[in-house]
Amino acid sequence: MVTKLPLRGNQTRRNRKVNFQSKANRMNQSDSRCQCLSSCPNPSLPGEAFCEKHMKGCPRKAPLNGFEPKYEPNRWNDKKEVRTTHNCFSYAMNVIDSRQIKSCLQDEKCDVPFHQPGSVSGWPKFTNSDPKTCPNMIGRLLGDNPTIQPSAFELKCPRGTSKIALVVDEDEDYHFLRQDSNGLFSQKSGAMPVKNVDAKGHKIFDVQLANHNFTRKNDDPLNYDRFCGYMCVPRDRPLFLKTGGAKRKHRKLLKTKKKSKKSV
């Protein structure tokens, strides 16, 4: 479907039509569904993306083009100044920002705000009353980096780009995942370590069929139950990212903002 997205900040055209989904698809209907086919009724094996039948072979795949980043969790997890200053957005963009690291090392508490979609192109800060819908998030994403293209699971991204995915909990948060060179998807939740499994510990073959309900007993609800779509992100040119807002909801907003133009 075609969504008309509002122009913000650096965008100059009056209307921008993009073939992104205007309505999100509901997810997390099962804790351990097989991710090979949406029609497969069998549960996936522990720690795997597929059921026993499809472990022998799956007729679907998300094709690679050679520009996918490697899955290197140690690169993101080992150093506190990297892990605690880069979120799912930074990770999906494959950007490690030296300015974020420097700010962390200069702050005893490493209280550094994350990169946020829309900060470069002038979108307002997120608020608790601002629902993080798919059109809202896609508008922010394209406002900062308009060369990002819509895609689908079984489509190969153009040369020089690779695939990411966007899911949202409209009342709470957004979340990005990225496809790695092994064909599977990985993720980084806020300041948490990078990992290559979903909320229930299964490898991620198809983001839309994986489970992203991170709500636990006695925790605040965090259920990314809306799938916004797959996108192809440039890997052969600089990307624009900028920090915005607070790192955690309970932390005060920082006055200092940094703009970076980096690609990794």
Protein backbone atom coordinates (compact mmCIF):
# COMPACT_ATOMS: atom_id res chain seq x y z
CA MET A 1 0.00 0.00 0.00
CA VAL A 2 1.08 3.62 -0.49
CA THR A 3 1.47 5.91 2.50
CA LYS A 4 1.77 9.69 2.18
CA LEU A 5 4.34 10.75 4.72
CA PRO A 6 4.62 14.28 6.14
CA LEU A 7 7.75 16.19 5.26
CA ARG A 8 9.94 17.34 8.10
CA GLY A 9 13.18 19.25 8.44
CA ASN A 10 15.50 18.63 5.51
CA GLN A 11 12.86 17.23 3.15
CA THR A 12 11.83 19.74 0.49
CA ARG A 13 9.26 18.01 -1.69
CA ARG A 14 5.63 18.69 -0.89
CA ASN A 15 4.63 15.06 -0.88
CA ARG A 16 6.64 11.90 -0.66
CA LYS A 17 4.96 8.64 -1.70
CA VAL A 18 6.62 5.48 -0.49
CA ASN A 19 5.54 1.89 -0.82
CA PHE A 20 5.47 1.13 2.86
CA GLN A 21 2.70 -0.59 4.73
CA SER A 22 0.16 1.91 6.04
CA LYS A 23 -1.22 -0.60 8.52
CA ALA A 24 0.90 -2.72 10.83
CA ASN A 25 0.49 -6.47 11.01
CA ARG A 26 -0.15 -8.06 14.40
CA MET A 27 2.47 -10.45 15.72
CA ASN A 28 3.35 -12.62 18.73
CA GLN A 29 0.36 -14.91 18.39
CA SER A 30 2.48 -17.83 19.57
CA ASP A 31 5.53 -18.18 21.82
CA SER A 32 7.33 -20.60 19.53
CA ARG A 33 5.84 -20.79 16.07
CA CYS A 34 7.83 -22.17 13.18
CA GLN A 35 9.16 -19.24 11.15
CA CYS A 36 9.50 -21.05 7.85
CA LEU A 37 5.91 -20.58 6.71
CA SER A 38 3.07 -18.60 8.23
CA SER A 39 0.85 -21.59 7.54
CA CYS A 40 3.01 -24.07 9.45
CA PRO A 41 1.12 -25.22 12.58
CA ASN A 42 4.15 -26.77 14.28
CA PRO A 43 6.16 -25.14 17.06
CA SER A 44 9.82 -24.37 16.50
CA LEU A 45 12.43 -26.47 18.24
CA PRO A 46 14.05 -24.99 21.37
CA GLY A 47 16.52 -22.30 20.36
CA GLU A 48 15.75 -22.71 16.66
CA ALA A 49 13.63 -20.78 14.17
CA PHE A 50 12.08 -23.89 12.59
CA CYS A 51 10.03 -26.91 13.54
CA GLU A 52 11.53 -30.38 13.15
CA LYS A 53 10.14 -30.73 9.62
CA HIS A 54 11.52 -27.44 8.33
CA MET A 55 14.91 -27.88 10.00
CA LYS A 56 15.54 -30.18 7.03
CA GLY A 57 14.77 -27.39 4.59
CA CYS A 58 12.62 -24.30 4.19
CA PRO A 59 11.23 -23.23 0.79
CA ARG A 60 11.48 -19.53 1.72
CA LYS A 61 14.52 -17.37 2.32
CA ALA A 62 15.52 -13.74 2.63
CA PRO A 63 18.20 -13.55 -0.10
CA LEU A 64 21.58 -11.97 0.58
CA ASN A 65 23.56 -9.63 -1.67
CA GLY A 66 26.95 -9.57 0.05
CA PHE A 67 26.55 -6.18 1.79
CA GLU A 68 25.08 -7.56 5.00
CA PRO A 69 27.13 -6.85 8.14
CA LYS A 70 28.69 -9.74 10.03
CA TYR A 71 27.19 -10.89 13.30
CA GLU A 72 29.87 -9.68 15.70
CA PRO A 73 28.32 -9.39 19.19
CA ASN A 74 31.67 -8.88 20.92
CA ARG A 75 32.26 -5.71 18.92
CA TRP A 76 29.15 -4.19 20.51
CA ASN A 77 29.06 -5.94 23.89
CA ASP A 78 32.59 -6.09 25.27
CA LYS A 79 33.15 -2.40 25.95
CA LYS A 80 30.69 -0.61 28.22
CA GLU A 81 31.20 2.68 26.39
CA VAL A 82 29.94 1.03 23.19
CA ARG A 83 27.21 -1.20 24.59
CA THR A 84 25.55 1.43 26.79
CA THR A 85 25.58 4.26 24.24
CA HIS A 86 24.18 2.50 21.18
CA ASN A 87 20.62 1.24 20.81
CA CYS A 88 18.64 -0.86 18.33
CA PHE A 89 18.62 2.04 15.85
CA SER A 90 22.41 2.45 15.92
CA TYR A 91 22.82 -1.30 15.63
CA ALA A 92 20.47 -1.68 12.68
CA MET A 93 22.27 1.17 10.92
CA ASN A 94 25.58 -0.55 11.82
CA VAL A 95 26.94 2.71 13.22
CA ILE A 96 29.37 2.90 16.14
CA ASP A 97 29.65 6.62 16.87
CA SER A 98 32.98 7.76 18.33
CA ARG A 99 31.26 10.83 19.79
CA GLN A 100 28.95 8.61 21.82
CA ILE A 101 31.92 6.71 23.17
CA LYS A 102 33.78 9.91 24.06
CA SER A 103 30.75 11.33 25.87
CA CYS A 104 30.40 8.14 27.89
CA LEU A 105 34.05 8.12 28.93
CA GLN A 106 33.72 11.74 30.07
CA ASP A 107 30.63 11.02 32.18
CA GLU A 108 31.03 8.93 35.33
CA LYS A 109 27.54 7.48 34.92
CA CYS A 110 27.79 7.23 31.12
CA ASP A 111 24.41 8.93 30.94
CA VAL A 112 24.40 9.50 27.20
CA PRO A 113 21.22 9.82 25.07
CA PHE A 114 20.72 7.39 22.20
CA HIS A 115 20.46 8.09 18.49
CA GLN A 116 16.78 8.60 17.66
CA PRO A 117 14.99 8.42 14.29
CA GLY A 118 13.83 11.82 13.14
CA SER A 119 16.34 13.86 15.16
CA VAL A 120 18.30 14.92 12.07
CA SER A 121 15.25 16.00 10.07
CA GLY A 122 13.63 18.04 12.83
CA TRP A 123 10.96 15.72 14.20
CA PRO A 124 10.03 16.52 17.82
CA LYS A 125 11.27 14.42 20.72
CA PHE A 126 9.29 11.37 21.68
CA THR A 127 6.85 11.85 24.53
CA ASN A 128 4.77 9.41 26.55
CA SER A 129 1.68 10.71 24.74
CA ASP A 130 3.23 10.30 21.29
CA PRO A 131 2.26 6.84 19.95
CA LYS A 132 5.05 5.16 18.06
CA THR A 133 3.01 4.03 15.07
CA CYS A 134 4.44 2.60 11.86
CA PRO A 135 3.69 5.71 9.74
CA ASN A 136 5.22 7.92 12.43
CA MET A 137 8.41 5.86 12.67
CA ILE A 138 8.80 5.43 8.91
CA GLY A 139 8.35 9.17 8.42
CA ARG A 140 11.11 9.81 10.94
CA LEU A 141 13.39 7.22 9.37
CA LEU A 142 13.01 8.58 5.84
CA GLY A 143 13.28 12.16 7.01
CA ASP A 144 16.82 11.44 8.21
CA ASN A 145 17.86 9.06 5.45
CA PRO A 146 15.55 9.27 2.41
CA THR A 147 17.58 6.70 0.43
CA ILE A 148 16.22 3.89 2.62
CA GLN A 149 13.92 1.73 0.48
CA PRO A 150 10.94 -0.49 1.31
CA SER A 151 11.41 -4.20 0.84
CA ALA A 152 9.93 -7.61 1.65
CA PHE A 153 11.22 -10.80 3.22
CA GLU A 154 11.82 -12.67 -0.04
CA LEU A 155 13.15 -9.67 -2.00
CA LYS A 156 16.89 -9.14 -2.38
CA CYS A 157 18.01 -5.67 -1.40
CA PRO A 158 19.79 -3.64 -4.10
CA ARG A 159 23.56 -3.76 -4.27
CA GLY A 160 25.13 -1.55 -1.62
CA THR A 161 22.27 -2.00 0.86
CA SER A 162 21.06 -4.61 3.31
CA LYS A 163 17.83 -5.49 5.09
CA ILE A 164 16.50 -4.24 8.40
CA ALA A 165 13.07 -4.63 10.01
CA LEU A 166 10.93 -2.37 12.18
CA VAL A 167 8.47 -3.45 14.87
CA VAL A 168 6.63 -1.28 17.39
CA ASP A 169 4.76 -1.36 20.65
CA GLU A 170 2.69 1.71 19.87
CA ASP A 171 2.24 2.71 23.50
CA GLU A 172 5.80 2.08 24.60
CA ASP A 173 8.64 1.80 22.12
CA TYR A 174 9.99 1.06 18.66
CA HIS A 175 12.55 -1.60 17.79
CA PHE A 176 14.83 -2.30 14.83
CA LEU A 177 16.46 -5.56 13.82
CA ARG A 178 18.98 -6.22 11.05
CA GLN A 179 19.84 -9.10 8.75
CA ASP A 180 23.40 -10.35 9.08
CA SER A 181 25.66 -12.11 6.59
CA ASN A 182 24.55 -15.50 7.94
CA GLY A 183 21.01 -14.80 6.68
CA LEU A 184 19.49 -14.53 10.17
CA PHE A 185 18.44 -11.41 12.07
CA SER A 186 19.95 -9.98 15.23
CA GLN A 187 19.06 -7.14 17.57
CA LYS A 188 20.18 -4.85 20.36
CA SER A 189 17.64 -3.63 22.90
CA GLY A 190 18.69 -0.23 24.26
CA ALA A 191 21.86 -0.55 26.33
CA MET A 192 21.50 -4.33 26.48
CA PRO A 193 23.90 -6.71 24.71
CA VAL A 194 23.51 -7.68 21.07
CA LYS A 195 21.85 -11.06 20.58
CA ASN A 196 20.57 -13.21 17.74
CA VAL A 197 17.43 -14.68 19.32
CA ASP A 198 13.89 -13.40 19.85
CA ALA A 199 12.07 -12.78 23.13
CA LYS A 200 11.55 -16.51 23.64
CA GLY A 201 15.10 -17.56 22.79
CA HIS A 202 14.56 -18.67 19.19
CA LYS A 203 16.81 -17.74 16.28
CA ILE A 204 15.25 -15.08 14.06
CA PHE A 205 14.66 -16.17 10.48
CA ASP A 206 11.59 -14.04 9.70
CA VAL A 207 11.07 -11.04 11.99
CA GLN A 208 7.34 -11.04 11.35
CA LEU A 209 6.99 -14.64 12.54
CA ALA A 210 9.38 -14.37 15.48
CA ASN A 211 8.25 -13.40 18.98
CA HIS A 212 8.91 -9.89 20.28
CA ASN A 213 6.89 -9.90 23.49
CA PHE A 214 9.45 -8.97 26.15
CA THR A 215 6.88 -8.53 28.91
CA ARG A 216 7.78 -10.51 32.00
CA LYS A 217 5.97 -11.04 35.26
CA ASN A 218 5.93 -7.89 37.40
CA ASP A 219 7.56 -5.91 34.56
CA ASP A 220 6.17 -2.97 32.65
CA PRO A 221 4.58 -4.31 29.44
CA LEU A 222 6.82 -4.25 26.40
CA ASN A 223 5.21 -6.13 23.55
CA TYR A 224 6.31 -5.24 20.02
CA ASP A 225 3.20 -6.64 18.42
CA ARG A 226 3.07 -4.51 15.26
CA PHE A 227 5.22 -5.30 12.25
CA CYS A 228 5.95 -2.21 10.15
CA GLY A 229 7.95 -3.86 7.40
CA TYR A 230 11.35 -4.66 5.93
CA MET A 231 13.62 -1.97 4.53
CA CYS A 232 16.92 -1.77 2.65
CA VAL A 233 19.50 0.50 4.29
CA PRO A 234 22.58 1.84 2.44
CA ARG A 235 25.86 0.22 3.47
CA ASP A 236 28.12 1.96 0.94
CA ARG A 237 27.60 5.59 1.95
CA PRO A 238 27.32 7.72 5.11
CA LEU A 239 24.12 7.60 7.16
CA PHE A 240 22.78 10.48 9.23
CA LEU A 241 22.10 9.84 12.92
CA LYS A 242 21.62 12.22 15.80
CA THR A 243 20.91 11.81 19.48
CA GLY A 244 17.67 13.03 20.98
CA GLY A 245 15.78 12.67 24.23
CA ALA A 246 16.80 10.75 27.31
CA LYS A 247 18.46 7.37 27.42
CA ARG A 248 15.89 6.01 29.86
CA LYS A 249 12.39 7.21 30.68
CA HIS A 250 13.32 7.93 34.30
CA ARG A 251 16.40 9.96 33.41
CA LYS A 252 16.41 13.69 32.78
CA LEU A 253 16.78 15.04 29.29
CA LEU A 254 20.30 16.11 28.45
CA LYS A 255 20.82 19.55 26.93
CA THR A 256 23.79 18.57 24.78
CA LYS A 257 22.96 17.15 21.39
CA LYS A 258 25.43 15.75 18.93
CA LYS A 259 25.11 15.22 15.23
CA SER A 260 27.10 12.54 13.50
CA LYS A 261 27.52 11.50 9.91
CA LYS A 262 29.03 8.05 10.04
CA SER A 263 28.82 4.67 8.44
CA VAL A 264 30.55 1.46 9.44
